[in-house]
Amino acid sequence: MDGDVSVDEAISRGRKMITYPMIALFLAVPGLAFYLCDQYGYPQWTIGLGLLIGAILSVGYSFFCGEQMAHMGIYQRSKRS
């Protein structure tokens, strides 16, 4: 069958679906802030704010995806007792 996917392939694809957008958010937001500072003369603290916002968005995306996958039964978060 052409539709068969191994468990390792599915896990690898799921990790890529979480990791690549998270990295893109983490790099794109500070990159945009740097561009705005360089080209349009925004204040230098904009870069630091961009780093903070990029980190918050990437961690938030990661958390949201993990919760959605847990809700669908794909991934189960460990519960601390």
Protein backbone atom coordinates (compact mmCIF):
# COMPACT_ATOMS: atom_id res chain seq x y z
CA MET A 1 0.00 0.00 0.00
CA ASP A 2 1.20 3.48 -0.82
CA GLY A 3 -0.48 5.05 2.23
CA ASP A 4 1.44 3.09 4.85
CA VAL A 5 3.63 5.21 7.07
CA SER A 6 5.93 3.83 9.73
CA VAL A 7 5.79 5.09 13.29
CA ASP A 8 9.26 6.61 12.98
CA GLU A 9 8.26 8.51 9.83
CA ALA A 10 5.11 9.84 11.51
CA ILE A 11 7.04 10.98 14.59
CA SER A 12 9.69 12.60 12.42
CA ARG A 13 7.05 14.45 10.39
CA GLY A 14 5.26 15.60 13.55
CA ARG A 15 8.49 16.96 15.03
CA LYS A 16 9.18 18.86 11.80
CA MET A 17 5.66 20.31 11.86
CA ILE A 18 6.36 21.75 15.31
CA THR A 19 10.06 22.60 15.07
CA TYR A 20 10.32 24.38 11.70
CA PRO A 21 7.54 26.95 12.26
CA MET A 22 8.84 27.53 15.79
CA ILE A 23 12.34 28.30 14.47
CA ALA A 24 10.87 30.49 11.73
CA LEU A 25 8.95 32.56 14.29
CA PHE A 26 11.98 32.83 16.54
CA LEU A 27 14.13 34.17 13.70
CA ALA A 28 11.62 36.14 11.60
CA VAL A 29 10.29 38.48 14.29
CA PRO A 30 13.74 39.71 15.45
CA GLY A 31 14.81 39.84 11.80
CA LEU A 32 11.89 42.12 11.02
CA ALA A 33 12.75 44.28 14.02
CA PHE A 34 16.37 44.53 12.87
CA TYR A 35 15.22 45.45 9.37
CA LEU A 36 12.93 48.17 10.70
CA CYS A 37 15.78 49.60 12.82
CA ASP A 38 18.24 49.52 9.95
CA GLN A 39 16.03 50.80 7.13
CA TYR A 40 13.52 53.07 8.83
CA GLY A 41 15.39 54.32 11.88
CA TYR A 42 13.30 52.69 14.58
CA PRO A 43 14.89 52.83 18.06
CA GLN A 44 17.46 50.16 18.96
CA TRP A 45 15.31 48.71 21.74
CA THR A 46 12.99 47.46 18.98
CA ILE A 47 15.47 44.64 18.32
CA GLY A 48 15.33 43.52 21.96
CA LEU A 49 11.55 43.72 21.90
CA GLY A 50 11.57 41.66 18.70
CA LEU A 51 13.70 39.00 20.38
CA LEU A 52 11.31 38.84 23.32
CA ILE A 53 8.18 38.72 21.16
CA GLY A 54 9.76 36.10 18.86
CA ALA A 55 10.64 33.89 21.83
CA ILE A 56 7.16 34.23 23.33
CA LEU A 57 5.46 33.45 20.01
CA SER A 58 7.66 30.43 19.31
CA VAL A 59 7.15 28.94 22.78
CA GLY A 60 3.43 29.68 22.57
CA TYR A 61 3.21 27.97 19.18
CA SER A 62 5.05 24.95 20.52
CA PHE A 63 2.76 24.73 23.54
CA PHE A 64 -0.39 25.17 21.44
CA CYS A 65 0.65 22.46 18.97
CA GLY A 66 1.48 20.06 21.79
CA GLU A 67 -1.92 20.66 23.39
CA GLN A 68 -3.72 20.16 20.06
CA MET A 69 -1.84 16.94 19.40
CA ALA A 70 -2.65 15.71 22.91
CA HIS A 71 -6.31 16.56 22.37
CA MET A 72 -6.34 14.50 19.16
CA GLY A 73 -4.66 11.58 20.93
CA ILE A 74 -1.46 11.84 18.91
CA TYR A 75 0.75 12.99 21.73
CA GLN A 76 0.30 12.62 25.45
CA ARG A 77 1.91 15.09 27.83
CA SER A 78 3.36 13.62 30.97
CA LYS A 79 1.36 14.38 34.07
CA ARG A 80 3.25 15.15 37.23
CA SER A 81 1.80 13.81 40.43
